[in-house]
Amino acid sequence: MNIAQVIAELLGDFKLSSRIMESRIIAAWPEVLGPLAKPTDELYIKNNVLFVNLSSSVIRNELSMMRSKLVQRLNEKAGDKVITDIVFR
């Protein structure tokens, strides 16, 4: 067994792998959105849904139209299907 397998097993035992994947999604947000991420006030994931608080209603509407593409790109960055939807507030 190599070190990667041992780490993966430990993460699974302690149920940390989902938290790590969620952290990857949140870390990838500015990279995926670029300048559109600036008005983001808060990001969190609950029940496989990414909740995004935005200070700009214009950006909120723009991102709403891109929702499915953003879910796909963020999941690609995380390396797994972590989120199923995004809620913009």
PDB file of N, CA and C in Angstrom:
ATOM      1  N   MET A   1       0.852  -1.173   0.000  1.00  0.00           N
ATOM      2  CA  MET A   1       0.000   0.000   0.000  1.00  0.00           C
ATOM      3  C   MET A   1       0.897   1.235   0.000  1.00  0.00           C
ATOM      4  N   ASN A   2       0.618   2.180  -0.916  1.00  0.00           N
ATOM      5  CA  ASN A   2       1.436   3.391  -0.960  1.00  0.00           C
ATOM      6  C   ASN A   2       0.821   4.489  -0.084  1.00  0.00           C
ATOM      7  N   ILE A   3       1.543   5.570   0.057  1.00  0.00           N
ATOM      8  CA  ILE A   3       1.128   6.643   0.965  1.00  0.00           C
ATOM      9  C   ILE A   3      -0.196   7.274   0.539  1.00  0.00           C
ATOM     10  N   ALA A   4      -0.442   7.394  -0.766  1.00  0.00           N
ATOM     11  CA  ALA A   4      -1.698   7.975  -1.251  1.00  0.00           C
ATOM     12  C   ALA A   4      -2.890   7.116  -0.837  1.00  0.00           C
ATOM     13  N   GLN A   5      -2.726   5.812  -0.900  1.00  0.00           N
ATOM     14  CA  GLN A   5      -3.802   4.912  -0.495  1.00  0.00           C
ATOM     15  C   GLN A   5      -4.058   4.993   1.008  1.00  0.00           C
ATOM     16  N   VAL A   6      -2.989   5.101   1.781  1.00  0.00           N
ATOM     17  CA  VAL A   6      -3.120   5.208   3.235  1.00  0.00           C
ATOM     18  C   VAL A   6      -3.846   6.500   3.598  1.00  0.00           C
ATOM     19  N   ILE A   7      -3.453   7.595   2.973  1.00  0.00           N
ATOM     20  CA  ILE A   7      -4.104   8.882   3.247  1.00  0.00           C
ATOM     21  C   ILE A   7      -5.570   8.832   2.849  1.00  0.00           C
ATOM     22  N   ALA A   8      -5.874   8.289   1.678  1.00  0.00           N
ATOM     23  CA  ALA A   8      -7.265   8.181   1.220  1.00  0.00           C
ATOM     24  C   ALA A   8      -8.092   7.350   2.198  1.00  0.00           C
ATOM     25  N   GLU A   9      -7.520   6.277   2.692  1.00  0.00           N
ATOM     26  CA  GLU A   9      -8.224   5.422   3.646  1.00  0.00           C
ATOM     27  C   GLU A   9      -8.483   6.153   4.961  1.00  0.00           C
ATOM     28  N   LEU A  10      -7.475   6.877   5.439  1.00  0.00           N
ATOM     29  CA  LEU A  10      -7.645   7.642   6.675  1.00  0.00           C
ATOM     30  C   LEU A  10      -8.701   8.726   6.520  1.00  0.00           C
ATOM     31  N   LEU A  11      -8.677   9.429   5.387  1.00  0.00           N
ATOM     32  CA  LEU A  11      -9.675  10.465   5.147  1.00  0.00           C
ATOM     33  C   LEU A  11     -11.075   9.872   5.133  1.00  0.00           C
ATOM     34  N   GLY A  12     -11.212   8.718   4.518  1.00  0.00           N
ATOM     35  CA  GLY A  12     -12.507   8.038   4.502  1.00  0.00           C
ATOM     36  C   GLY A  12     -12.939   7.601   5.886  1.00  0.00           C
ATOM     37  N   ASP A  13     -12.009   7.087   6.678  1.00  0.00           N
ATOM     38  CA  ASP A  13     -12.320   6.648   8.036  1.00  0.00           C
ATOM     39  C   ASP A  13     -12.802   7.797   8.906  1.00  0.00           C
ATOM     40  N   PHE A  14     -12.203   8.956   8.741  1.00  0.00           N
ATOM     41  CA  PHE A  14     -12.560  10.109   9.564  1.00  0.00           C
ATOM     42  C   PHE A  14     -13.591  11.009   8.892  1.00  0.00           C
ATOM     43  N   LYS A  15     -14.111  10.580   7.737  1.00  0.00           N
ATOM     44  CA  LYS A  15     -15.122  11.319   6.987  1.00  0.00           C
ATOM     45  C   LYS A  15     -14.672  12.747   6.671  1.00  0.00           C
ATOM     46  N   LEU A  16     -13.408  12.884   6.338  1.00  0.00           N
ATOM     47  CA  LEU A  16     -12.854  14.187   6.011  1.00  0.00           C
ATOM     48  C   LEU A  16     -12.806  14.455   4.513  1.00  0.00           C
ATOM     49  N   SER A  17     -12.934  13.423   3.710  1.00  0.00           N
ATOM     50  CA  SER A  17     -12.783  13.607   2.272  1.00  0.00           C
ATOM     51  C   SER A  17     -13.834  14.552   1.709  1.00  0.00           C
ATOM     52  N   SER A  18     -15.070  14.495   2.204  1.00  0.00           N
ATOM     53  CA  SER A  18     -16.092  15.405   1.688  1.00  0.00           C
ATOM     54  C   SER A  18     -15.781  16.848   2.072  1.00  0.00           C
ATOM     55  N   ARG A  19     -15.239  17.052   3.254  1.00  0.00           N
ATOM     56  CA  ARG A  19     -14.857  18.408   3.685  1.00  0.00           C
ATOM     57  C   ARG A  19     -13.711  18.959   2.823  1.00  0.00           C
ATOM     58  N   ILE A  20     -12.790  18.090   2.475  1.00  0.00           N
ATOM     59  CA  ILE A  20     -11.679  18.515   1.628  1.00  0.00           C
ATOM     60  C   ILE A  20     -12.193  18.896   0.243  1.00  0.00           C
ATOM     61  N   MET A  21     -13.098  18.102  -0.299  1.00  0.00           N
ATOM     62  CA  MET A  21     -13.685  18.409  -1.604  1.00  0.00           C
ATOM     63  C   MET A  21     -14.452  19.732  -1.557  1.00  0.00           C
ATOM     64  N   GLU A  22     -15.187  19.957  -0.479  1.00  0.00           N
ATOM     65  CA  GLU A  22     -15.912  21.224  -0.323  1.00  0.00           C
ATOM     66  C   GLU A  22     -14.939  22.397  -0.261  1.00  0.00           C
ATOM     67  N   SER A  23     -13.819  22.209   0.408  1.00  0.00           N
ATOM     68  CA  SER A  23     -12.795  23.262   0.479  1.00  0.00           C
ATOM     69  C   SER A  23     -12.228  23.561  -0.897  1.00  0.00           C
ATOM     70  N   ARG A  24     -12.083  22.536  -1.707  1.00  0.00           N
ATOM     71  CA  ARG A  24     -11.587  22.736  -3.075  1.00  0.00           C
ATOM     72  C   ARG A  24     -12.569  23.572  -3.896  1.00  0.00           C
ATOM     73  N   ILE A  25     -13.860  23.317  -3.719  1.00  0.00           N
ATOM     74  CA  ILE A  25     -14.885  24.085  -4.436  1.00  0.00           C
ATOM     75  C   ILE A  25     -14.787  25.558  -4.048  1.00  0.00           C
ATOM     76  N   ILE A  26     -14.736  25.827  -2.772  1.00  0.00           N
ATOM     77  CA  ILE A  26     -14.690  27.212  -2.284  1.00  0.00           C
ATOM     78  C   ILE A  26     -13.401  27.891  -2.724  1.00  0.00           C
ATOM     79  N   ALA A  27     -12.285  27.173  -2.687  1.00  0.00           N
ATOM     80  CA  ALA A  27     -11.009  27.737  -3.134  1.00  0.00           C
ATOM     81  C   ALA A  27     -11.002  28.009  -4.632  1.00  0.00           C
ATOM     82  N   ALA A  28     -11.732  27.214  -5.400  1.00  0.00           N
ATOM     83  CA  ALA A  28     -11.758  27.375  -6.856  1.00  0.00           C
ATOM     84  C   ALA A  28     -12.684  28.496  -7.307  1.00  0.00           C
ATOM     85  N   TRP A  29     -13.579  28.959  -6.442  1.00  0.00           N
ATOM     86  CA  TRP A  29     -14.556  29.985  -6.804  1.00  0.00           C
ATOM     87  C   TRP A  29     -13.916  31.216  -7.462  1.00  0.00           C
ATOM     88  N   PRO A  30     -12.928  31.870  -6.855  1.00  0.00           N
ATOM     89  CA  PRO A  30     -12.338  33.049  -7.495  1.00  0.00           C
ATOM     90  C   PRO A  30     -11.635  32.721  -8.815  1.00  0.00           C
ATOM     91  N   GLU A  31     -11.041  31.554  -8.895  1.00  0.00           N
ATOM     92  CA  GLU A  31     -10.342  31.146 -10.115  1.00  0.00           C
ATOM     93  C   GLU A  31     -11.334  30.924 -11.257  1.00  0.00           C
ATOM     94  N   VAL A  32     -12.449  30.276 -10.971  1.00  0.00           N
ATOM     95  CA  VAL A  32     -13.452  29.975 -12.001  1.00  0.00           C
ATOM     96  C   VAL A  32     -14.167  31.252 -12.446  1.00  0.00           C
ATOM     97  N   LEU A  33     -14.470  32.150 -11.510  1.00  0.00           N
ATOM     98  CA  LEU A  33     -15.237  33.347 -11.841  1.00  0.00           C
ATOM     99  C   LEU A  33     -14.395  34.540 -12.251  1.00  0.00           C
ATOM    100  N   GLY A  34     -13.157  34.567 -11.824  1.00  0.00           N
ATOM    101  CA  GLY A  34     -12.316  35.722 -12.141  1.00  0.00           C
ATOM    102  C   GLY A  34     -12.865  36.969 -11.461  1.00  0.00           C
ATOM    103  N   PRO A  35     -12.940  38.101 -12.183  1.00  0.00           N
ATOM    104  CA  PRO A  35     -13.388  39.360 -11.580  1.00  0.00           C
ATOM    105  C   PRO A  35     -14.844  39.334 -11.095  1.00  0.00           C
ATOM    106  N   LEU A  36     -15.644  38.433 -11.626  1.00  0.00           N
ATOM    107  CA  LEU A  36     -17.036  38.347 -11.185  1.00  0.00           C
ATOM    108  C   LEU A  36     -17.155  37.879  -9.742  1.00  0.00           C
ATOM    109  N   ALA A  37     -16.092  37.323  -9.179  1.00  0.00           N
ATOM    110  CA  ALA A  37     -16.122  36.826  -7.801  1.00  0.00           C
ATOM    111  C   ALA A  37     -15.972  37.948  -6.775  1.00  0.00           C
ATOM    112  N   LYS A  38     -15.597  39.141  -7.210  1.00  0.00           N
ATOM    113  CA  LYS A  38     -15.342  40.234  -6.259  1.00  0.00           C
ATOM    114  C   LYS A  38     -16.516  40.564  -5.342  1.00  0.00           C
ATOM    115  N   PRO A  39     -17.767  40.641  -5.850  1.00  0.00           N
ATOM    116  CA  PRO A  39     -18.860  40.992  -4.936  1.00  0.00           C
ATOM    117  C   PRO A  39     -19.347  39.839  -4.054  1.00  0.00           C
ATOM    118  N   THR A  40     -18.602  38.741  -4.006  1.00  0.00           N
ATOM    119  CA  THR A  40     -18.981  37.598  -3.175  1.00  0.00           C
ATOM    120  C   THR A  40     -18.699  37.918  -1.710  1.00  0.00           C
ATOM    121  N   ASP A  41     -19.739  37.821  -0.889  1.00  0.00           N
ATOM    122  CA  ASP A  41     -19.591  38.095   0.542  1.00  0.00           C
ATOM    123  C   ASP A  41     -19.313  36.828   1.338  1.00  0.00           C
ATOM    124  N   GLU A  42     -19.980  35.740   0.973  1.00  0.00           N
ATOM    125  CA  GLU A  42     -19.849  34.506   1.753  1.00  0.00           C
ATOM    126  C   GLU A  42     -20.163  33.310   0.861  1.00  0.00           C
ATOM    127  N   LEU A  43     -19.422  32.229   1.069  1.00  0.00           N
ATOM    128  CA  LEU A  43     -19.647  30.951   0.377  1.00  0.00           C
ATOM    129  C   LEU A  43     -19.705  29.847   1.418  1.00  0.00           C
ATOM    130  N   TYR A  44     -20.680  28.957   1.266  1.00  0.00           N
ATOM    131  CA  TYR A  44     -20.690  27.762   2.098  1.00  0.00           C
ATOM    132  C   TYR A  44     -21.476  26.672   1.379  1.00  0.00           C
ATOM    133  N   ILE A  45     -21.217  25.431   1.759  1.00  0.00           N
ATOM    134  CA  ILE A  45     -21.863  24.281   1.135  1.00  0.00           C
ATOM    135  C   ILE A  45     -22.658  23.544   2.201  1.00  0.00           C
ATOM    136  N   LYS A  46     -23.910  23.244   1.842  1.00  0.00           N
ATOM    137  CA  LYS A  46     -24.778  22.478   2.729  1.00  0.00           C
ATOM    138  C   LYS A  46     -25.611  21.541   1.870  1.00  0.00           C
ATOM    139  N   ASN A  47     -25.572  20.263   2.202  1.00  0.00           N
ATOM    140  CA  ASN A  47     -26.331  19.243   1.459  1.00  0.00           C
ATOM    141  C   ASN A  47     -26.051  19.291  -0.046  1.00  0.00           C
ATOM    142  N   ASN A  48     -24.797  19.393  -0.390  1.00  0.00           N
ATOM    143  CA  ASN A  48     -24.325  19.400  -1.784  1.00  0.00           C
ATOM    144  C   ASN A  48     -24.798  20.607  -2.583  1.00  0.00           C
ATOM    145  N   VAL A  49     -25.203  21.667  -1.926  1.00  0.00           N
ATOM    146  CA  VAL A  49     -25.604  22.903  -2.587  1.00  0.00           C
ATOM    147  C   VAL A  49     -24.661  24.009  -2.133  1.00  0.00           C
ATOM    148  N   LEU A  50     -24.102  24.724  -3.091  1.00  0.00           N
ATOM    149  CA  LEU A  50     -23.232  25.860  -2.794  1.00  0.00           C
ATOM    150  C   LEU A  50     -24.101  27.097  -2.645  1.00  0.00           C
ATOM    151  N   PHE A  51     -24.015  27.747  -1.495  1.00  0.00           N
ATOM    152  CA  PHE A  51     -24.748  28.984  -1.243  1.00  0.00           C
ATOM    153  C   PHE A  51     -23.768  30.140  -1.377  1.00  0.00           C
ATOM    154  N   VAL A  52     -24.152  31.132  -2.171  1.00  0.00           N
ATOM    155  CA  VAL A  52     -23.286  32.261  -2.460  1.00  0.00           C
ATOM    156  C   VAL A  52     -24.034  33.551  -2.141  1.00  0.00           C
ATOM    157  N   ASN A  53     -23.507  34.339  -1.213  1.00  0.00           N
ATOM    158  CA  ASN A  53     -24.073  35.649  -0.914  1.00  0.00           C
ATOM    159  C   ASN A  53     -23.310  36.687  -1.728  1.00  0.00           C
ATOM    160  N   LEU A  54     -24.062  37.477  -2.476  1.00  0.00           N
ATOM    161  CA  LEU A  54     -23.458  38.485  -3.345  1.00  0.00           C
ATOM    162  C   LEU A  54     -23.976  39.866  -2.980  1.00  0.00           C
ATOM    163  N   SER A  55     -23.120  40.875  -3.105  1.00  0.00           N
ATOM    164  CA  SER A  55     -23.530  42.242  -2.814  1.00  0.00           C
ATOM    165  C   SER A  55     -24.048  42.965  -4.056  1.00  0.00           C
ATOM    166  N   SER A  56     -23.963  42.333  -5.209  1.00  0.00           N
ATOM    167  CA  SER A  56     -24.399  42.961  -6.458  1.00  0.00           C
ATOM    168  C   SER A  56     -25.543  42.158  -7.088  1.00  0.00           C
ATOM    169  N   SER A  57     -26.692  42.794  -7.230  1.00  0.00           N
ATOM    170  CA  SER A  57     -27.827  42.109  -7.854  1.00  0.00           C
ATOM    171  C   SER A  57     -27.594  41.875  -9.339  1.00  0.00           C
ATOM    172  N   VAL A  58     -26.827  42.742  -9.980  1.00  0.00           N
ATOM    173  CA  VAL A  58     -26.510  42.572 -11.402  1.00  0.00           C
ATOM    174  C   VAL A  58     -25.674  41.313 -11.605  1.00  0.00           C
ATOM    175  N   ILE A  59     -24.640  41.144 -10.782  1.00  0.00           N
ATOM    176  CA  ILE A  59     -23.790  39.950 -10.854  1.00  0.00           C
ATOM    177  C   ILE A  59     -24.604  38.712 -10.490  1.00  0.00           C
ATOM    178  N   ARG A  60     -25.482  38.832  -9.504  1.00  0.00           N
ATOM    179  CA  ARG A  60     -26.332  37.709  -9.095  1.00  0.00           C
ATOM    180  C   ARG A  60     -27.156  37.209 -10.286  1.00  0.00           C
ATOM    181  N   ASN A  61     -27.757  38.112 -11.021  1.00  0.00           N
ATOM    182  CA  ASN A  61     -28.552  37.725 -12.194  1.00  0.00           C
ATOM    183  C   ASN A  61     -27.679  37.108 -13.276  1.00  0.00           C
ATOM    184  N   GLU A  62     -26.515  37.681 -13.489  1.00  0.00           N
ATOM    185  CA  GLU A  62     -25.572  37.161 -14.493  1.00  0.00           C
ATOM    186  C   GLU A  62     -25.154  35.731 -14.155  1.00  0.00           C
ATOM    187  N   LEU A  63     -24.798  35.502 -12.905  1.00  0.00           N
ATOM    188  CA  LEU A  63     -24.353  34.171 -12.477  1.00  0.00           C
ATOM    189  C   LEU A  63     -25.494  33.162 -12.491  1.00  0.00           C
ATOM    190  N   SER A  64     -26.696  33.606 -12.205  1.00  0.00           N
ATOM    191  CA  SER A  64     -27.851  32.703 -12.242  1.00  0.00           C
ATOM    192  C   SER A  64     -28.028  32.082 -13.615  1.00  0.00           C
ATOM    193  N   MET A  65     -27.748  32.849 -14.639  1.00  0.00           N
ATOM    194  CA  MET A  65     -27.871  32.337 -16.002  1.00  0.00           C
ATOM    195  C   MET A  65     -26.760  31.347 -16.345  1.00  0.00           C
ATOM    196  N   MET A  66     -25.665  31.388 -15.595  1.00  0.00           N
ATOM    197  CA  MET A  66     -24.520  30.511 -15.838  1.00  0.00           C
ATOM    198  C   MET A  66     -24.461  29.363 -14.841  1.00  0.00           C
ATOM    199  N   ARG A  67     -25.497  29.170 -14.053  1.00  0.00           N
ATOM    200  CA  ARG A  67     -25.496  28.240 -12.921  1.00  0.00           C
ATOM    201  C   ARG A  67     -25.000  26.834 -13.275  1.00  0.00           C
ATOM    202  N   SER A  68     -25.578  26.203 -14.284  1.00  0.00           N
ATOM    203  CA  SER A  68     -25.217  24.811 -14.585  1.00  0.00           C
ATOM    204  C   SER A  68     -23.762  24.694 -15.045  1.00  0.00           C
ATOM    205  N   LYS A  69     -23.298  25.676 -15.812  1.00  0.00           N
ATOM    206  CA  LYS A  69     -21.896  25.666 -16.261  1.00  0.00           C
ATOM    207  C   LYS A  69     -20.949  25.852 -15.071  1.00  0.00           C
ATOM    208  N   LEU A  70     -21.335  26.700 -14.126  1.00  0.00           N
ATOM    209  CA  LEU A  70     -20.504  26.917 -12.935  1.00  0.00           C
ATOM    210  C   LEU A  70     -20.427  25.656 -12.083  1.00  0.00           C
ATOM    211  N   VAL A  71     -21.556  24.960 -11.925  1.00  0.00           N
ATOM    212  CA  VAL A  71     -21.553  23.705 -11.163  1.00  0.00           C
ATOM    213  C   VAL A  71     -20.580  22.731 -11.800  1.00  0.00           C
ATOM    214  N   GLN A  72     -20.653  22.617 -13.113  1.00  0.00           N
ATOM    215  CA  GLN A  72     -19.774  21.686 -13.832  1.00  0.00           C
ATOM    216  C   GLN A  72     -18.305  22.065 -13.662  1.00  0.00           C
ATOM    217  N   ARG A  73     -17.982  23.333 -13.845  1.00  0.00           N
ATOM    218  CA  ARG A  73     -16.573  23.762 -13.754  1.00  0.00           C
ATOM    219  C   ARG A  73     -16.025  23.626 -12.341  1.00  0.00           C
ATOM    220  N   LEU A  74     -16.824  23.955 -11.342  1.00  0.00           N
ATOM    221  CA  LEU A  74     -16.368  23.830  -9.955  1.00  0.00           C
ATOM    222  C   LEU A  74     -16.148  22.369  -9.579  1.00  0.00           C
ATOM    223  N   ASN A  75     -17.047  21.498 -10.004  1.00  0.00           N
ATOM    224  CA  ASN A  75     -16.864  20.069  -9.735  1.00  0.00           C
ATOM    225  C   ASN A  75     -15.618  19.529 -10.430  1.00  0.00           C
ATOM    226  N   GLU A  76     -15.335  20.014 -11.638  1.00  0.00           N
ATOM    227  CA  GLU A  76     -14.106  19.608 -12.336  1.00  0.00           C
ATOM    228  C   GLU A  76     -12.875  20.026 -11.543  1.00  0.00           C
ATOM    229  N   LYS A  77     -12.901  21.233 -10.997  1.00  0.00           N
ATOM    230  CA  LYS A  77     -11.763  21.722 -10.199  1.00  0.00           C
ATOM    231  C   LYS A  77     -11.579  20.885  -8.933  1.00  0.00           C
ATOM    232  N   ALA A  78     -12.679  20.434  -8.339  1.00  0.00           N
ATOM    233  CA  ALA A  78     -12.602  19.631  -7.124  1.00  0.00           C
ATOM    234  C   ALA A  78     -12.188  18.199  -7.420  1.00  0.00           C
ATOM    235  N   GLY A  79     -12.411  17.758  -8.661  1.00  0.00           N
ATOM    236  CA  GLY A  79     -12.049  16.396  -9.031  1.00  0.00           C
ATOM    237  C   GLY A  79     -13.114  15.366  -8.724  1.00  0.00           C
ATOM    238  N   ASP A  80     -14.325  15.820  -8.395  1.00  0.00           N
ATOM    239  CA  ASP A  80     -15.415  14.904  -8.073  1.00  0.00           C
ATOM    240  C   ASP A  80     -16.721  15.693  -8.108  1.00  0.00           C
ATOM    241  N   LYS A  81     -17.845  14.993  -8.109  1.00  0.00           N
ATOM    242  CA  LYS A  81     -19.145  15.664  -8.077  1.00  0.00           C
ATOM    243  C   LYS A  81     -19.452  16.009  -6.624  1.00  0.00           C
ATOM    244  N   VAL A  82     -19.171  17.238  -6.259  1.00  0.00           N
ATOM    245  CA  VAL A  82     -19.310  17.691  -4.884  1.00  0.00           C
ATOM    246  C   VAL A  82     -20.614  18.463  -4.704  1.00  0.00           C
ATOM    247  N   ILE A  83     -20.926  19.324  -5.664  1.00  0.00           N
ATOM    248  CA  ILE A  83     -22.151  20.129  -5.569  1.00  0.00           C
ATOM    249  C   ILE A  83     -23.100  19.758  -6.709  1.00  0.00           C
ATOM    250  N   THR A  84     -24.388  19.915  -6.441  1.00  0.00           N
ATOM    251  CA  THR A  84     -25.402  19.637  -7.440  1.00  0.00           C
ATOM    252  C   THR A  84     -26.109  20.900  -7.908  1.00  0.00           C
ATOM    253  N   ASP A  85     -25.982  21.983  -7.126  1.00  0.00           N
ATOM    254  CA  ASP A  85     -26.655  23.229  -7.460  1.00  0.00           C
ATOM    255  C   ASP A  85     -25.959  24.392  -6.761  1.00  0.00           C
ATOM    256  N   ILE A  86     -26.304  25.599  -7.202  1.00  0.00           N
ATOM    257  CA  ILE A  86     -25.807  26.821  -6.574  1.00  0.00           C
ATOM    258  C   ILE A  86     -27.008  27.712  -6.305  1.00  0.00           C
ATOM    259  N   VAL A  87     -27.063  28.271  -5.103  1.00  0.00           N
ATOM    260  CA  VAL A  87     -28.108  29.226  -4.734  1.00  0.00           C
ATOM    261  C   VAL A  87     -27.427  30.569  -4.551  1.00  0.00           C
ATOM    262  N   PHE A  88     -27.883  31.549  -5.312  1.00  0.00           N
ATOM    263  CA  PHE A  88     -27.338  32.913  -5.205  1.00  0.00           C
ATOM    264  C   PHE A  88     -28.291  33.747  -4.362  1.00  0.00           C
ATOM    265  N   ARG A  89     -27.723  34.428  -3.381  1.00  0.00           N
ATOM    266  CA  ARG A  89     -28.530  35.273  -2.488  1.00  0.00           C
ATOM    267  C   ARG A  89     -28.028  36.685  -2.522  1.00  0.00           C
TER     268      ARG A  89
END
